[in-house]
Amino acid sequence: MALSTNQSISLTGTSTINDQQAATFSTVVSKGLSYTSVSMQITSPDLYESNKAEVRKDRNDFQTVADNLADSLDSGSVKSTEQTA
């Protein structure tokens, strides 16, 4: 018998408009996954409806962060998930 382990990282994000939460994003990133699926939960439907473009940009930016994290796991050099403006 041998021990086998798998590293995964839970990643969450929040889309805010004028200091109000419009949506949240989440994913689990694991080494060796070819694709990372992002879940989006709309927390304020009215705010989302009036700001779809901004929330969708945040979702796409979150996907990029998740993809970069997955790539860094695969390469063995985990990078920060902090984004700079």
PDB file of N, CA and C in Angstrom:
ATOM      1  N   MET A   1       0.839  -1.172   0.000  1.00  0.00           N
ATOM      2  CA  MET A   1       0.000   0.000   0.000  1.00  0.00           C
ATOM      3  C   MET A   1       0.888   1.240   0.000  1.00  0.00           C
ATOM      4  N   ALA A   2       0.454   2.282  -0.720  1.00  0.00           N
ATOM      5  CA  ALA A   2       1.232   3.514  -0.806  1.00  0.00           C
ATOM      6  C   ALA A   2       0.289   4.714  -0.696  1.00  0.00           C
ATOM      7  N   LEU A   3       0.798   5.749  -0.087  1.00  0.00           N
ATOM      8  CA  LEU A   3       0.023   6.976   0.053  1.00  0.00           C
ATOM      9  C   LEU A   3       0.067   7.768  -1.234  1.00  0.00           C
ATOM     10  N   SER A   4      -1.085   8.229  -1.676  1.00  0.00           N
ATOM     11  CA  SER A   4      -1.183   9.104  -2.848  1.00  0.00           C
ATOM     12  C   SER A   4      -1.914  10.360  -2.425  1.00  0.00           C
ATOM     13  N   THR A   5      -1.366  11.521  -2.765  1.00  0.00           N
ATOM     14  CA  THR A   5      -1.999  12.781  -2.398  1.00  0.00           C
ATOM     15  C   THR A   5      -2.225  13.639  -3.632  1.00  0.00           C
ATOM     16  N   ASN A   6      -3.149  14.573  -3.505  1.00  0.00           N
ATOM     17  CA  ASN A   6      -3.450  15.515  -4.579  1.00  0.00           C
ATOM     18  C   ASN A   6      -3.662  16.887  -3.951  1.00  0.00           C
ATOM     19  N   GLN A   7      -2.959  17.872  -4.444  1.00  0.00           N
ATOM     20  CA  GLN A   7      -3.086  19.229  -3.934  1.00  0.00           C
ATOM     21  C   GLN A   7      -4.169  19.963  -4.710  1.00  0.00           C
ATOM     22  N   SER A   8      -5.067  20.611  -3.969  1.00  0.00           N
ATOM     23  CA  SER A   8      -6.058  21.470  -4.606  1.00  0.00           C
ATOM     24  C   SER A   8      -6.200  22.728  -3.766  1.00  0.00           C
ATOM     25  N   ILE A   9      -6.607  23.789  -4.425  1.00  0.00           N
ATOM     26  CA  ILE A   9      -6.747  25.092  -3.781  1.00  0.00           C
ATOM     27  C   ILE A   9      -8.134  25.628  -4.088  1.00  0.00           C
ATOM     28  N   SER A  10      -8.842  26.035  -3.037  1.00  0.00           N
ATOM     29  CA  SER A  10     -10.151  26.657  -3.191  1.00  0.00           C
ATOM     30  C   SER A  10      -9.932  28.153  -3.418  1.00  0.00           C
ATOM     31  N   LEU A  11     -10.578  28.680  -4.438  1.00  0.00           N
ATOM     32  CA  LEU A  11     -10.417  30.090  -4.796  1.00  0.00           C
ATOM     33  C   LEU A  11     -11.797  30.736  -4.857  1.00  0.00           C
ATOM     34  N   THR A  12     -11.957  31.886  -4.219  1.00  0.00           N
ATOM     35  CA  THR A  12     -13.224  32.613  -4.253  1.00  0.00           C
ATOM     36  C   THR A  12     -12.978  34.065  -4.636  1.00  0.00           C
ATOM     37  N   GLY A  13     -13.995  34.694  -5.179  1.00  0.00           N
ATOM     38  CA  GLY A  13     -13.907  36.101  -5.554  1.00  0.00           C
ATOM     39  C   GLY A  13     -15.265  36.774  -5.444  1.00  0.00           C
ATOM     40  N   THR A  14     -15.257  38.085  -5.420  1.00  0.00           N
ATOM     41  CA  THR A  14     -16.485  38.859  -5.283  1.00  0.00           C
ATOM     42  C   THR A  14     -16.480  39.992  -6.294  1.00  0.00           C
ATOM     43  N   SER A  15     -17.607  40.170  -6.978  1.00  0.00           N
ATOM     44  CA  SER A  15     -17.789  41.303  -7.879  1.00  0.00           C
ATOM     45  C   SER A  15     -18.627  42.349  -7.156  1.00  0.00           C
ATOM     46  N   THR A  16     -18.042  43.541  -6.994  1.00  0.00           N
ATOM     47  CA  THR A  16     -18.769  44.612  -6.311  1.00  0.00           C
ATOM     48  C   THR A  16     -18.944  45.802  -7.242  1.00  0.00           C
ATOM     49  N   ILE A  17     -20.093  46.419  -7.117  1.00  0.00           N
ATOM     50  CA  ILE A  17     -20.431  47.634  -7.866  1.00  0.00           C
ATOM     51  C   ILE A  17     -20.822  48.679  -6.832  1.00  0.00           C
ATOM     52  N   ASN A  18     -20.111  49.804  -6.808  1.00  0.00           N
ATOM     53  CA  ASN A  18     -20.393  50.867  -5.840  1.00  0.00           C
ATOM     54  C   ASN A  18     -20.482  50.322  -4.418  1.00  0.00           C
ATOM     55  N   ASP A  19     -19.503  49.512  -4.034  1.00  0.00           N
ATOM     56  CA  ASP A  19     -19.415  48.914  -2.701  1.00  0.00           C
ATOM     57  C   ASP A  19     -20.551  47.957  -2.364  1.00  0.00           C
ATOM     58  N   GLN A  20     -21.291  47.490  -3.374  1.00  0.00           N
ATOM     59  CA  GLN A  20     -22.346  46.502  -3.159  1.00  0.00           C
ATOM     60  C   GLN A  20     -21.988  45.224  -3.905  1.00  0.00           C
ATOM     61  N   GLN A  21     -22.197  44.101  -3.254  1.00  0.00           N
ATOM     62  CA  GLN A  21     -21.880  42.816  -3.850  1.00  0.00           C
ATOM     63  C   GLN A  21     -22.918  42.451  -4.903  1.00  0.00           C
ATOM     64  N   ALA A  22     -22.444  42.182  -6.115  1.00  0.00           N
ATOM     65  CA  ALA A  22     -23.342  41.789  -7.207  1.00  0.00           C
ATOM     66  C   ALA A  22     -23.300  40.288  -7.447  1.00  0.00           C
ATOM     67  N   ALA A  23     -22.103  39.686  -7.294  1.00  0.00           N
ATOM     68  CA  ALA A  23     -21.946  38.262  -7.552  1.00  0.00           C
ATOM     69  C   ALA A  23     -20.702  37.748  -6.834  1.00  0.00           C
ATOM     70  N   THR A  24     -20.691  36.429  -6.634  1.00  0.00           N
ATOM     71  CA  THR A  24     -19.506  35.771  -6.102  1.00  0.00           C
ATOM     72  C   THR A  24     -19.092  34.677  -7.073  1.00  0.00           C
ATOM     73  N   PHE A  25     -17.809  34.348  -7.049  1.00  0.00           N
ATOM     74  CA  PHE A  25     -17.250  33.315  -7.926  1.00  0.00           C
ATOM     75  C   PHE A  25     -16.483  32.321  -7.064  1.00  0.00           C
ATOM     76  N   SER A  26     -16.472  31.077  -7.490  1.00  0.00           N
ATOM     77  CA  SER A  26     -15.696  30.072  -6.763  1.00  0.00           C
ATOM     78  C   SER A  26     -15.241  28.971  -7.709  1.00  0.00           C
ATOM     79  N   THR A  27     -14.146  28.341  -7.325  1.00  0.00           N
ATOM     80  CA  THR A  27     -13.607  27.210  -8.061  1.00  0.00           C
ATOM     81  C   THR A  27     -12.645  26.461  -7.156  1.00  0.00           C
ATOM     82  N   VAL A  28     -12.336  25.245  -7.545  1.00  0.00           N
ATOM     83  CA  VAL A  28     -11.276  24.470  -6.899  1.00  0.00           C
ATOM     84  C   VAL A  28     -10.264  24.156  -7.988  1.00  0.00           C
ATOM     85  N   VAL A  29      -9.032  24.537  -7.740  1.00  0.00           N
ATOM     86  CA  VAL A  29      -7.953  24.340  -8.709  1.00  0.00           C
ATOM     87  C   VAL A  29      -7.096  23.171  -8.232  1.00  0.00           C
ATOM     88  N   SER A  30      -6.851  22.228  -9.127  1.00  0.00           N
ATOM     89  CA  SER A  30      -6.021  21.071  -8.796  1.00  0.00           C
ATOM     90  C   SER A  30      -4.958  20.859  -9.853  1.00  0.00           C
ATOM     91  N   LYS A  31      -3.845  20.344  -9.420  1.00  0.00           N
ATOM     92  CA  LYS A  31      -2.756  20.025 -10.339  1.00  0.00           C
ATOM     93  C   LYS A  31      -3.219  18.954 -11.324  1.00  0.00           C
ATOM     94  N   GLY A  32      -2.910  19.171 -12.593  1.00  0.00           N
ATOM     95  CA  GLY A  32      -3.209  18.177 -13.617  1.00  0.00           C
ATOM     96  C   GLY A  32      -4.575  18.315 -14.274  1.00  0.00           C
ATOM     97  N   LEU A  33      -5.421  19.232 -13.806  1.00  0.00           N
ATOM     98  CA  LEU A  33      -6.710  19.433 -14.465  1.00  0.00           C
ATOM     99  C   LEU A  33      -6.500  20.268 -15.718  1.00  0.00           C
ATOM    100  N   SER A  34      -7.099  19.847 -16.807  1.00  0.00           N
ATOM    101  CA  SER A  34      -6.916  20.591 -18.052  1.00  0.00           C
ATOM    102  C   SER A  34      -7.853  21.792 -18.144  1.00  0.00           C
ATOM    103  N   TYR A  35      -8.900  21.815 -17.309  1.00  0.00           N
ATOM    104  CA  TYR A  35      -9.827  22.943 -17.343  1.00  0.00           C
ATOM    105  C   TYR A  35     -10.355  23.190 -15.938  1.00  0.00           C
ATOM    106  N   THR A  36     -10.468  24.431 -15.550  1.00  0.00           N
ATOM    107  CA  THR A  36     -10.994  24.810 -14.251  1.00  0.00           C
ATOM    108  C   THR A  36     -12.370  25.426 -14.443  1.00  0.00           C
ATOM    109  N   SER A  37     -13.371  24.842 -13.829  1.00  0.00           N
ATOM    110  CA  SER A  37     -14.745  25.322 -13.939  1.00  0.00           C
ATOM    111  C   SER A  37     -15.015  26.362 -12.860  1.00  0.00           C
ATOM    112  N   VAL A  38     -15.566  27.504 -13.262  1.00  0.00           N
ATOM    113  CA  VAL A  38     -15.885  28.583 -12.340  1.00  0.00           C
ATOM    114  C   VAL A  38     -17.391  28.638 -12.126  1.00  0.00           C
ATOM    115  N   SER A  39     -17.799  28.705 -10.861  1.00  0.00           N
ATOM    116  CA  SER A  39     -19.210  28.875 -10.512  1.00  0.00           C
ATOM    117  C   SER A  39     -19.457  30.338 -10.180  1.00  0.00           C
ATOM    118  N   MET A  40     -20.585  30.853 -10.657  1.00  0.00           N
ATOM    119  CA  MET A  40     -20.961  32.230 -10.352  1.00  0.00           C
ATOM    120  C   MET A  40     -22.321  32.225  -9.664  1.00  0.00           C
ATOM    121  N   GLN A  41     -22.402  32.919  -8.536  1.00  0.00           N
ATOM    122  CA  GLN A  41     -23.656  33.071  -7.799  1.00  0.00           C
ATOM    123  C   GLN A  41     -24.029  34.546  -7.821  1.00  0.00           C
ATOM    124  N   ILE A  42     -25.165  34.876  -8.432  1.00  0.00           N
ATOM    125  CA  ILE A  42     -25.622  36.266  -8.455  1.00  0.00           C
ATOM    126  C   ILE A  42     -26.271  36.552  -7.109  1.00  0.00           C
ATOM    127  N   THR A  43     -25.715  37.503  -6.390  1.00  0.00           N
ATOM    128  CA  THR A  43     -26.201  37.810  -5.047  1.00  0.00           C
ATOM    129  C   THR A  43     -27.155  38.993  -5.020  1.00  0.00           C
ATOM    130  N   SER A  44     -27.159  39.781  -6.073  1.00  0.00           N
ATOM    131  CA  SER A  44     -28.079  40.918  -6.193  1.00  0.00           C
ATOM    132  C   SER A  44     -28.566  40.990  -7.644  1.00  0.00           C
ATOM    133  N   PRO A  45     -29.700  40.344  -7.945  1.00  0.00           N
ATOM    134  CA  PRO A  45     -30.174  40.290  -9.331  1.00  0.00           C
ATOM    135  C   PRO A  45     -30.350  41.666  -9.989  1.00  0.00           C
ATOM    136  N   ASP A  46     -30.891  42.619  -9.276  1.00  0.00           N
ATOM    137  CA  ASP A  46     -31.093  43.947  -9.860  1.00  0.00           C
ATOM    138  C   ASP A  46     -29.762  44.621 -10.179  1.00  0.00           C
ATOM    139  N   LEU A  47     -28.821  44.524  -9.262  1.00  0.00           N
ATOM    140  CA  LEU A  47     -27.498  45.108  -9.474  1.00  0.00           C
ATOM    141  C   LEU A  47     -26.795  44.410 -10.636  1.00  0.00           C
ATOM    142  N   TYR A  48     -26.931  43.098 -10.711  1.00  0.00           N
ATOM    143  CA  TYR A  48     -26.345  42.349 -11.809  1.00  0.00           C
ATOM    144  C   TYR A  48     -26.946  42.778 -13.149  1.00  0.00           C
ATOM    145  N   GLU A  49     -28.261  42.849 -13.207  1.00  0.00           N
ATOM    146  CA  GLU A  49     -28.942  43.205 -14.458  1.00  0.00           C
ATOM    147  C   GLU A  49     -28.509  44.572 -14.978  1.00  0.00           C
ATOM    148  N   SER A  50     -28.299  45.506 -14.091  1.00  0.00           N
ATOM    149  CA  SER A  50     -27.924  46.854 -14.531  1.00  0.00           C
ATOM    150  C   SER A  50     -26.415  47.012 -14.743  1.00  0.00           C
ATOM    151  N   ASN A  51     -25.638  45.966 -14.434  1.00  0.00           N
ATOM    152  CA  ASN A  51     -24.176  46.041 -14.567  1.00  0.00           C
ATOM    153  C   ASN A  51     -23.591  44.748 -15.120  1.00  0.00           C
ATOM    154  N   LYS A  52     -24.309  44.108 -16.042  1.00  0.00           N
ATOM    155  CA  LYS A  52     -23.879  42.808 -16.578  1.00  0.00           C
ATOM    156  C   LYS A  52     -22.463  42.839 -17.142  1.00  0.00           C
ATOM    157  N   ALA A  53     -22.151  43.852 -17.896  1.00  0.00           N
ATOM    158  CA  ALA A  53     -20.833  43.908 -18.547  1.00  0.00           C
ATOM    159  C   ALA A  53     -19.709  43.906 -17.511  1.00  0.00           C
ATOM    160  N   GLU A  54     -19.873  44.688 -16.444  1.00  0.00           N
ATOM    161  CA  GLU A  54     -18.832  44.761 -15.419  1.00  0.00           C
ATOM    162  C   GLU A  54     -18.707  43.444 -14.662  1.00  0.00           C
ATOM    163  N   VAL A  55     -19.843  42.828 -14.316  1.00  0.00           N
ATOM    164  CA  VAL A  55     -19.802  41.563 -13.582  1.00  0.00           C
ATOM    165  C   VAL A  55     -19.210  40.466 -14.459  1.00  0.00           C
ATOM    166  N   ARG A  56     -19.574  40.454 -15.724  1.00  0.00           N
ATOM    167  CA  ARG A  56     -19.015  39.447 -16.634  1.00  0.00           C
ATOM    168  C   ARG A  56     -17.515  39.645 -16.827  1.00  0.00           C
ATOM    169  N   LYS A  57     -17.052  40.885 -16.826  1.00  0.00           N
ATOM    170  CA  LYS A  57     -15.611  41.138 -16.903  1.00  0.00           C
ATOM    171  C   LYS A  57     -14.930  40.588 -15.655  1.00  0.00           C
ATOM    172  N   ASP A  58     -15.543  40.824 -14.491  1.00  0.00           N
ATOM    173  CA  ASP A  58     -14.997  40.275 -13.254  1.00  0.00           C
ATOM    174  C   ASP A  58     -14.947  38.748 -13.318  1.00  0.00           C
ATOM    175  N   ARG A  59     -15.995  38.118 -13.854  1.00  0.00           N
ATOM    176  CA  ARG A  59     -16.022  36.660 -13.994  1.00  0.00           C
ATOM    177  C   ARG A  59     -14.872  36.194 -14.890  1.00  0.00           C
ATOM    178  N   ASN A  60     -14.666  36.880 -16.001  1.00  0.00           N
ATOM    179  CA  ASN A  60     -13.580  36.524 -16.914  1.00  0.00           C
ATOM    180  C   ASN A  60     -12.215  36.729 -16.262  1.00  0.00           C
ATOM    181  N   ASP A  61     -12.069  37.812 -15.501  1.00  0.00           N
ATOM    182  CA  ASP A  61     -10.817  38.056 -14.777  1.00  0.00           C
ATOM    183  C   ASP A  61     -10.579  36.961 -13.736  1.00  0.00           C
ATOM    184  N   PHE A  62     -11.647  36.522 -13.064  1.00  0.00           N
ATOM    185  CA  PHE A  62     -11.534  35.447 -12.086  1.00  0.00           C
ATOM    186  C   PHE A  62     -11.086  34.158 -12.769  1.00  0.00           C
ATOM    187  N   GLN A  63     -11.645  33.883 -13.940  1.00  0.00           N
ATOM    188  CA  GLN A  63     -11.259  32.689 -14.695  1.00  0.00           C
ATOM    189  C   GLN A  63      -9.770  32.742 -15.037  1.00  0.00           C
ATOM    190  N   THR A  64      -9.277  33.912 -15.412  1.00  0.00           N
ATOM    191  CA  THR A  64      -7.864  34.079 -15.729  1.00  0.00           C
ATOM    192  C   THR A  64      -6.990  33.796 -14.508  1.00  0.00           C
ATOM    193  N   VAL A  65      -7.415  34.301 -13.343  1.00  0.00           N
ATOM    194  CA  VAL A  65      -6.667  34.041 -12.114  1.00  0.00           C
ATOM    195  C   VAL A  65      -6.642  32.538 -11.826  1.00  0.00           C
ATOM    196  N   ALA A  66      -7.788  31.871 -11.986  1.00  0.00           N
ATOM    197  CA  ALA A  66      -7.870  30.433 -11.752  1.00  0.00           C
ATOM    198  C   ALA A  66      -6.967  29.675 -12.732  1.00  0.00           C
ATOM    199  N   ASP A  67      -6.994  30.072 -13.999  1.00  0.00           N
ATOM    200  CA  ASP A  67      -6.148  29.420 -15.004  1.00  0.00           C
ATOM    201  C   ASP A  67      -4.669  29.602 -14.688  1.00  0.00           C
ATOM    202  N   ASN A  68      -4.287  30.811 -14.286  1.00  0.00           N
ATOM    203  CA  ASN A  68      -2.888  31.080 -13.939  1.00  0.00           C
ATOM    204  C   ASN A  68      -2.457  30.265 -12.722  1.00  0.00           C
ATOM    205  N   LEU A  69      -3.356  30.129 -11.753  1.00  0.00           N
ATOM    206  CA  LEU A  69      -3.044  29.329 -10.572  1.00  0.00           C
ATOM    207  C   LEU A  69      -2.879  27.865 -10.949  1.00  0.00           C
ATOM    208  N   ALA A  70      -3.770  27.353 -11.799  1.00  0.00           N
ATOM    209  CA  ALA A  70      -3.656  25.962 -12.259  1.00  0.00           C
ATOM    210  C   ALA A  70      -2.341  25.748 -12.996  1.00  0.00           C
ATOM    211  N   ASP A  71      -1.965  26.691 -13.849  1.00  0.00           N
ATOM    212  CA  ASP A  71      -0.696  26.586 -14.583  1.00  0.00           C
ATOM    213  C   ASP A  71       0.490  26.573 -13.623  1.00  0.00           C
ATOM    214  N   SER A  72       0.433  27.403 -12.585  1.00  0.00           N
ATOM    215  CA  SER A  72       1.551  27.452 -11.643  1.00  0.00           C
ATOM    216  C   SER A  72       1.621  26.169 -10.809  1.00  0.00           C
ATOM    217  N   LEU A  73       0.479  25.559 -10.518  1.00  0.00           N
ATOM    218  CA  LEU A  73       0.502  24.264  -9.830  1.00  0.00           C
ATOM    219  C   LEU A  73       1.162  23.204 -10.709  1.00  0.00           C
ATOM    220  N   ASP A  74       0.794  23.213 -11.991  1.00  0.00           N
ATOM    221  CA  ASP A  74       1.351  22.236 -12.917  1.00  0.00           C
ATOM    222  C   ASP A  74       2.856  22.405 -13.092  1.00  0.00           C
ATOM    223  N   SER A  75       3.324  23.646 -13.043  1.00  0.00           N
ATOM    224  CA  SER A  75       4.754  23.889 -13.223  1.00  0.00           C
ATOM    225  C   SER A  75       5.536  23.720 -11.925  1.00  0.00           C
ATOM    226  N   GLY A  76       4.807  23.597 -10.816  1.00  0.00           N
ATOM    227  CA  GLY A  76       5.474  23.417  -9.529  1.00  0.00           C
ATOM    228  C   GLY A  76       5.855  24.699  -8.847  1.00  0.00           C
ATOM    229  N   SER A  77       5.421  25.836  -9.375  1.00  0.00           N
ATOM    230  CA  SER A  77       5.752  27.121  -8.748  1.00  0.00           C
ATOM    231  C   SER A  77       4.476  27.926  -8.557  1.00  0.00           C
ATOM    232  N   VAL A  78       3.772  27.661  -7.469  1.00  0.00           N
ATOM    233  CA  VAL A  78       2.510  28.340  -7.198  1.00  0.00           C
ATOM    234  C   VAL A  78       2.763  29.828  -7.075  1.00  0.00           C
ATOM    235  N   LYS A  79       1.973  30.624  -7.821  1.00  0.00           N
ATOM    236  CA  LYS A  79       2.102  32.071  -7.826  1.00  0.00           C
ATOM    237  C   LYS A  79       0.976  32.678  -7.010  1.00  0.00           C
ATOM    238  N   SER A  80       1.136  33.910  -6.623  1.00  0.00           N
ATOM    239  CA  SER A  80       0.111  34.630  -5.880  1.00  0.00           C
ATOM    240  C   SER A  80      -1.131  34.801  -6.737  1.00  0.00           C
ATOM    241  N   THR A  81      -2.299  34.766  -6.100  1.00  0.00           N
ATOM    242  CA  THR A  81      -3.549  35.000  -6.810  1.00  0.00           C
ATOM    243  C   THR A  81      -3.990  36.455  -6.683  1.00  0.00           C
ATOM    244  N   GLU A  82      -3.195  37.269  -6.016  1.00  0.00           N
ATOM    245  CA  GLU A  82      -3.535  38.675  -5.867  1.00  0.00           C
ATOM    246  C   GLU A  82      -3.463  39.374  -7.208  1.00  0.00           C
ATOM    247  N   GLN A  83      -4.488  40.157  -7.513  1.00  0.00           N
ATOM    248  CA  GLN A  83      -4.500  40.926  -8.761  1.00  0.00           C
ATOM    249  C   GLN A  83      -4.217  42.380  -8.443  1.00  0.00           C
ATOM    250  N   THR A  84      -3.487  43.012  -9.315  1.00  0.00           N
ATOM    251  CA  THR A  84      -3.232  44.435  -9.165  1.00  0.00           C
ATOM    252  C   THR A  84      -4.026  45.189 -10.212  1.00  0.00           C
ATOM    253  N   ALA A  85      -4.469  46.341  -9.836  1.00  0.00           N
ATOM    254  CA  ALA A  85      -5.298  47.141 -10.753  1.00  0.00           C
ATOM    255  C   ALA A  85      -4.464  47.816 -11.803  1.00  0.00           C
TER     256      ALA A  85
END
